Amino acid sequence: MASQLLPKLTRYIPLWQRTIPNYPVYWKGNPQLRVYLPLFWMKMIKWPQSTASDTVTFEVHPQMTKYDVKNYLEKIYNVSVLSVKCHLSRGKDRHHPKYGFTIQPEADQRIAYVQLAPEHAIKFPEIFKEKATEEENAVKEQKKMITESDKLRRKEWDRMDMPVWFR
């Protein structure tokens, strides 16, 4: 049943390549346009270099403008935005190893740098970083020393009957 709900793979277009449909023109007497879910998407990015605490970086839908980004954050997340700067970074080209022509270029990415108000700072979540206590670090060091001594003992098993100073 689930396979019936999904479109055929030959016609399936990934989310980042889909175009956003235009809103219908409003005529007097027409029903109100209701949008329950946003048509755009945003993904928070953590850069290796440090940025200001009030600046957040997002990868956004290619058709989003800076006004869309600002409205998206203000309406959905209730965050006051001071400024938005967007730029389109071109995807890298993959070249054929033998002939050198372009095979499959990567998709372009639109990056948005958002400066938030000081009271609305968003911190990138530290999901995978676990802080170990001093006791756990000591136990890890002890286990490491034991495994190293075991490796040395296994390596020199045939010389165990000799004195230590002669090995």
C-alpha atoms as a PDB file:
ATOM      1  CA  MET A   1       0.000   0.000   0.000  1.00  0.00           C
ATOM      2  CA  ALA A   2       2.853   2.376   0.787  1.00  0.00           C
ATOM      3  CA  SER A   3       4.292   1.854  -2.682  1.00  0.00           C
ATOM      4  CA  GLN A   4       0.995   3.011  -4.188  1.00  0.00           C
ATOM      5  CA  LEU A   5       1.194   6.335  -2.339  1.00  0.00           C
ATOM      6  CA  LEU A   6       4.696   7.198  -3.577  1.00  0.00           C
ATOM      7  CA  PRO A   7       5.101   8.478  -7.121  1.00  0.00           C
ATOM      8  CA  LYS A   8       7.143   6.502  -9.615  1.00  0.00           C
ATOM      9  CA  LEU A   9      10.891   6.964  -9.265  1.00  0.00           C
ATOM     10  CA  THR A  10      11.213   8.257 -12.809  1.00  0.00           C
ATOM     11  CA  ARG A  11       8.962  11.199 -11.912  1.00  0.00           C
ATOM     12  CA  TYR A  12      10.079  11.774  -8.311  1.00  0.00           C
ATOM     13  CA  ILE A  13      11.844  15.124  -7.821  1.00  0.00           C
ATOM     14  CA  PRO A  14      13.805  15.658  -4.582  1.00  0.00           C
ATOM     15  CA  LEU A  15      12.622  18.390  -2.229  1.00  0.00           C
ATOM     16  CA  TRP A  16      15.568  20.708  -2.900  1.00  0.00           C
ATOM     17  CA  GLN A  17      14.935  20.626  -6.667  1.00  0.00           C
ATOM     18  CA  ARG A  18      11.194  21.243  -6.573  1.00  0.00           C
ATOM     19  CA  THR A  19       9.868  24.612  -7.612  1.00  0.00           C
ATOM     20  CA  ILE A  20       7.513  26.456  -5.330  1.00  0.00           C
ATOM     21  CA  PRO A  21       4.137  27.060  -6.977  1.00  0.00           C
ATOM     22  CA  ASN A  22       2.926  30.635  -7.312  1.00  0.00           C
ATOM     23  CA  TYR A  23       0.154  31.682  -5.011  1.00  0.00           C
ATOM     24  CA  PRO A  24      -3.179  31.984  -6.788  1.00  0.00           C
ATOM     25  CA  VAL A  25      -4.316  35.488  -7.636  1.00  0.00           C
ATOM     26  CA  TYR A  26      -6.871  36.744  -5.140  1.00  0.00           C
ATOM     27  CA  TRP A  27     -10.196  37.817  -6.573  1.00  0.00           C
ATOM     28  CA  LYS A  28     -12.900  39.403  -4.456  1.00  0.00           C
ATOM     29  CA  GLY A  29     -15.297  36.723  -3.295  1.00  0.00           C
ATOM     30  CA  ASN A  30     -12.792  33.858  -3.560  1.00  0.00           C
ATOM     31  CA  PRO A  31     -12.111  31.818  -0.438  1.00  0.00           C
ATOM     32  CA  GLN A  32      -9.147  32.785   1.715  1.00  0.00           C
ATOM     33  CA  LEU A  33      -5.836  31.095   0.914  1.00  0.00           C
ATOM     34  CA  ARG A  34      -4.819  28.953   3.845  1.00  0.00           C
ATOM     35  CA  VAL A  35      -1.247  27.679   4.144  1.00  0.00           C
ATOM     36  CA  TYR A  36      -0.843  25.219   7.001  1.00  0.00           C
ATOM     37  CA  LEU A  37       2.735  24.114   6.324  1.00  0.00           C
ATOM     38  CA  PRO A  38       5.471  26.274   4.826  1.00  0.00           C
ATOM     39  CA  LEU A  39       6.418  25.548   1.245  1.00  0.00           C
ATOM     40  CA  PHE A  40      10.084  26.355   1.930  1.00  0.00           C
ATOM     41  CA  TRP A  41      12.685  24.570   4.041  1.00  0.00           C
ATOM     42  CA  MET A  42      15.690  25.738   6.062  1.00  0.00           C
ATOM     43  CA  LYS A  43      18.624  23.799   7.520  1.00  0.00           C
ATOM     44  CA  MET A  44      20.948  25.198  10.182  1.00  0.00           C
ATOM     45  CA  ILE A  45      24.647  24.880   9.337  1.00  0.00           C
ATOM     46  CA  LYS A  46      27.623  24.959  11.671  1.00  0.00           C
ATOM     47  CA  TRP A  47      30.732  26.462  10.092  1.00  0.00           C
ATOM     48  CA  PRO A  48      34.198  25.313  11.202  1.00  0.00           C
ATOM     49  CA  GLN A  49      35.313  28.881  11.819  1.00  0.00           C
ATOM     50  CA  SER A  50      33.734  30.716  14.707  1.00  0.00           C
ATOM     51  CA  THR A  51      31.028  33.290  14.030  1.00  0.00           C
ATOM     52  CA  ALA A  52      29.409  35.900  16.234  1.00  0.00           C
ATOM     53  CA  SER A  53      27.002  34.587  18.862  1.00  0.00           C
ATOM     54  CA  ASP A  54      24.068  36.466  17.341  1.00  0.00           C
ATOM     55  CA  THR A  55      24.736  35.220  13.776  1.00  0.00           C
ATOM     56  CA  VAL A  56      23.214  31.953  12.558  1.00  0.00           C
ATOM     57  CA  THR A  57      23.866  30.289   9.201  1.00  0.00           C
ATOM     58  CA  PHE A  58      21.178  28.425   7.265  1.00  0.00           C
ATOM     59  CA  GLU A  59      21.051  26.513   4.016  1.00  0.00           C
ATOM     60  CA  VAL A  60      17.727  27.521   2.507  1.00  0.00           C
ATOM     61  CA  HIS A  61      15.539  26.620  -0.454  1.00  0.00           C
ATOM     62  CA  PRO A  62      17.047  28.039  -3.677  1.00  0.00           C
ATOM     63  CA  GLN A  63      13.967  30.163  -4.389  1.00  0.00           C
ATOM     64  CA  MET A  64      13.900  31.860  -0.982  1.00  0.00           C
ATOM     65  CA  THR A  65      14.776  35.544  -0.800  1.00  0.00           C
ATOM     66  CA  LYS A  66      16.095  37.348   2.258  1.00  0.00           C
ATOM     67  CA  TYR A  67      12.589  38.652   2.936  1.00  0.00           C
ATOM     68  CA  ASP A  68      11.239  35.093   2.885  1.00  0.00           C
ATOM     69  CA  VAL A  69      13.928  34.000   5.357  1.00  0.00           C
ATOM     70  CA  LYS A  70      13.132  36.881   7.686  1.00  0.00           C
ATOM     71  CA  ASN A  71       9.365  36.254   7.556  1.00  0.00           C
ATOM     72  CA  TYR A  72       9.877  32.497   7.995  1.00  0.00           C
ATOM     73  CA  LEU A  73      11.864  32.964  11.210  1.00  0.00           C
ATOM     74  CA  GLU A  74       9.663  35.724  12.597  1.00  0.00           C
ATOM     75  CA  LYS A  75       6.307  34.064  11.900  1.00  0.00           C
ATOM     76  CA  ILE A  76       7.090  30.429  12.665  1.00  0.00           C
ATOM     77  CA  TYR A  77       9.738  30.653  15.414  1.00  0.00           C
ATOM     78  CA  ASN A  78       8.846  34.095  16.859  1.00  0.00           C
ATOM     79  CA  VAL A  79      12.460  35.282  16.634  1.00  0.00           C
ATOM     80  CA  SER A  80      13.257  38.915  15.921  1.00  0.00           C
ATOM     81  CA  VAL A  81      15.662  39.229  12.980  1.00  0.00           C
ATOM     82  CA  LEU A  82      17.886  42.272  12.499  1.00  0.00           C
ATOM     83  CA  SER A  83      19.389  41.479   9.089  1.00  0.00           C
ATOM     84  CA  VAL A  84      19.631  38.708   6.508  1.00  0.00           C
ATOM     85  CA  LYS A  85      22.320  38.250   3.861  1.00  0.00           C
ATOM     86  CA  CYS A  86      21.938  35.560   1.209  1.00  0.00           C
ATOM     87  CA  HIS A  87      24.317  34.278  -1.382  1.00  0.00           C
ATOM     88  CA  LEU A  88      24.179  31.442  -3.886  1.00  0.00           C
ATOM     89  CA  SER A  89      27.211  29.158  -3.792  1.00  0.00           C
ATOM     90  CA  ARG A  90      27.794  27.255  -6.986  1.00  0.00           C
ATOM     91  CA  GLY A  91      28.102  23.470  -6.787  1.00  0.00           C
ATOM     92  CA  LYS A  92      31.340  21.788  -7.789  1.00  0.00           C
ATOM     93  CA  ASP A  93      31.623  20.157 -11.204  1.00  0.00           C
ATOM     94  CA  ARG A  94      32.546  16.493 -11.450  1.00  0.00           C
ATOM     95  CA  HIS A  95      34.736  15.796 -14.452  1.00  0.00           C
ATOM     96  CA  HIS A  96      35.146  12.583 -16.397  1.00  0.00           C
ATOM     97  CA  PRO A  97      38.494  11.031 -15.396  1.00  0.00           C
ATOM     98  CA  LYS A  98      39.498  10.147 -18.948  1.00  0.00           C
ATOM     99  CA  TYR A  99      37.894  12.749 -21.205  1.00  0.00           C
ATOM    100  CA  GLY A 100      37.589  15.736 -18.855  1.00  0.00           C
ATOM    101  CA  PHE A 101      34.049  16.875 -19.654  1.00  0.00           C
ATOM    102  CA  THR A 102      31.534  17.643 -16.902  1.00  0.00           C
ATOM    103  CA  ILE A 103      29.559  14.572 -15.853  1.00  0.00           C
ATOM    104  CA  GLN A 104      27.233  15.580 -13.065  1.00  0.00           C
ATOM    105  CA  PRO A 105      27.485  18.992 -11.436  1.00  0.00           C
ATOM    106  CA  GLU A 106      26.430  19.284  -7.807  1.00  0.00           C
ATOM    107  CA  ALA A 107      23.346  21.316  -6.995  1.00  0.00           C
ATOM    108  CA  ASP A 108      23.789  24.990  -6.110  1.00  0.00           C
ATOM    109  CA  GLN A 109      23.227  25.996  -2.485  1.00  0.00           C
ATOM    110  CA  ARG A 110      21.691  29.187  -1.165  1.00  0.00           C
ATOM    111  CA  ILE A 111      23.260  30.192   2.146  1.00  0.00           C
ATOM    112  CA  ALA A 112      21.567  32.717   4.452  1.00  0.00           C
ATOM    113  CA  TYR A 113      23.447  34.543   7.225  1.00  0.00           C
ATOM    114  CA  VAL A 114      20.926  35.745   9.789  1.00  0.00           C
ATOM    115  CA  GLN A 115      21.719  38.288  12.493  1.00  0.00           C
ATOM    116  CA  LEU A 116      19.321  37.954  15.402  1.00  0.00           C
ATOM    117  CA  ALA A 117      18.421  40.347  18.161  1.00  0.00           C
ATOM    118  CA  PRO A 118      20.581  39.895  21.305  1.00  0.00           C
ATOM    119  CA  GLU A 119      17.711  38.451  23.352  1.00  0.00           C
ATOM    120  CA  HIS A 120      16.990  35.782  20.686  1.00  0.00           C
ATOM    121  CA  ALA A 121      20.317  33.974  20.354  1.00  0.00           C
ATOM    122  CA  ILE A 122      20.124  30.499  18.805  1.00  0.00           C
ATOM    123  CA  LYS A 123      22.922  28.148  19.785  1.00  0.00           C
ATOM    124  CA  PHE A 124      23.853  25.219  17.566  1.00  0.00           C
ATOM    125  CA  PRO A 125      23.009  22.030  19.495  1.00  0.00           C
ATOM    126  CA  GLU A 126      25.902  19.872  20.706  1.00  0.00           C
ATOM    127  CA  ILE A 127      24.293  16.504  20.031  1.00  0.00           C
ATOM    128  CA  PHE A 128      27.273  14.202  19.615  1.00  0.00           C
ATOM    129  CA  LYS A 129      29.692  15.728  22.078  1.00  0.00           C
ATOM    130  CA  GLU A 130      29.621  14.002  25.446  1.00  0.00           C
ATOM    131  CA  LYS A 131      31.569  15.419  28.323  1.00  0.00           C
ATOM    132  CA  ALA A 132      33.454  12.728  30.213  1.00  0.00           C
ATOM    133  CA  THR A 133      34.143  13.088  33.922  1.00  0.00           C
ATOM    134  CA  GLU A 134      37.608  12.830  35.452  1.00  0.00           C
ATOM    135  CA  GLU A 135      36.837   9.363  36.833  1.00  0.00           C
ATOM    136  CA  GLU A 136      35.831   8.088  33.384  1.00  0.00           C
ATOM    137  CA  ASN A 137      39.013   9.532  31.882  1.00  0.00           C
ATOM    138  CA  ALA A 138      41.127   7.828  34.594  1.00  0.00           C
ATOM    139  CA  VAL A 139      39.398   4.488  33.958  1.00  0.00           C
ATOM    140  CA  LYS A 140      39.996   4.831  30.202  1.00  0.00           C
ATOM    141  CA  GLU A 141      43.701   5.568  30.757  1.00  0.00           C
ATOM    142  CA  GLN A 142      44.053   2.588  33.068  1.00  0.00           C
ATOM    143  CA  LYS A 143      42.403   0.255  30.538  1.00  0.00           C
ATOM    144  CA  LYS A 144      44.656   1.632  27.813  1.00  0.00           C
ATOM    145  CA  MET A 145      47.775   0.963  29.904  1.00  0.00           C
ATOM    146  CA  ILE A 146      46.613  -2.596  30.652  1.00  0.00           C
ATOM    147  CA  THR A 147      45.986  -3.349  26.970  1.00  0.00           C
ATOM    148  CA  GLU A 148      49.412  -1.948  26.029  1.00  0.00           C
ATOM    149  CA  SER A 149      51.149  -4.114  28.646  1.00  0.00           C
ATOM    150  CA  ASP A 150      49.190  -7.164  27.407  1.00  0.00           C
ATOM    151  CA  LYS A 151      50.281  -6.449  23.835  1.00  0.00           C
ATOM    152  CA  LEU A 152      53.912  -6.191  24.949  1.00  0.00           C
ATOM    153  CA  ARG A 153      53.613  -9.420  26.953  1.00  0.00           C
ATOM    154  CA  ARG A 154      52.138 -11.248  23.936  1.00  0.00           C
ATOM    155  CA  LYS A 155      54.843  -9.862  21.693  1.00  0.00           C
ATOM    156  CA  GLU A 156      57.698 -11.070  23.919  1.00  0.00           C
ATOM    157  CA  TRP A 157      56.203 -14.337  25.210  1.00  0.00           C
ATOM    158  CA  ASP A 158      59.204 -16.397  24.095  1.00  0.00           C
ATOM    159  CA  ARG A 159      61.646 -14.225  26.093  1.00  0.00           C
ATOM    160  CA  MET A 160      59.810 -14.335  29.417  1.00  0.00           C
ATOM    161  CA  ASP A 161      62.332 -16.724  30.958  1.00  0.00           C
ATOM    162  CA  MET A 162      65.136 -14.166  30.438  1.00  0.00           C
ATOM    163  CA  PRO A 163      65.792 -11.367  32.932  1.00  0.00           C
ATOM    164  CA  VAL A 164      64.199  -8.007  32.224  1.00  0.00           C
ATOM    165  CA  TRP A 165      67.511  -6.204  31.793  1.00  0.00           C
ATOM    166  CA  PHE A 166      68.524  -8.705  29.051  1.00  0.00           C
ATOM    167  CA  ARG A 167      65.397  -8.455  26.928  1.00  0.00           C
END
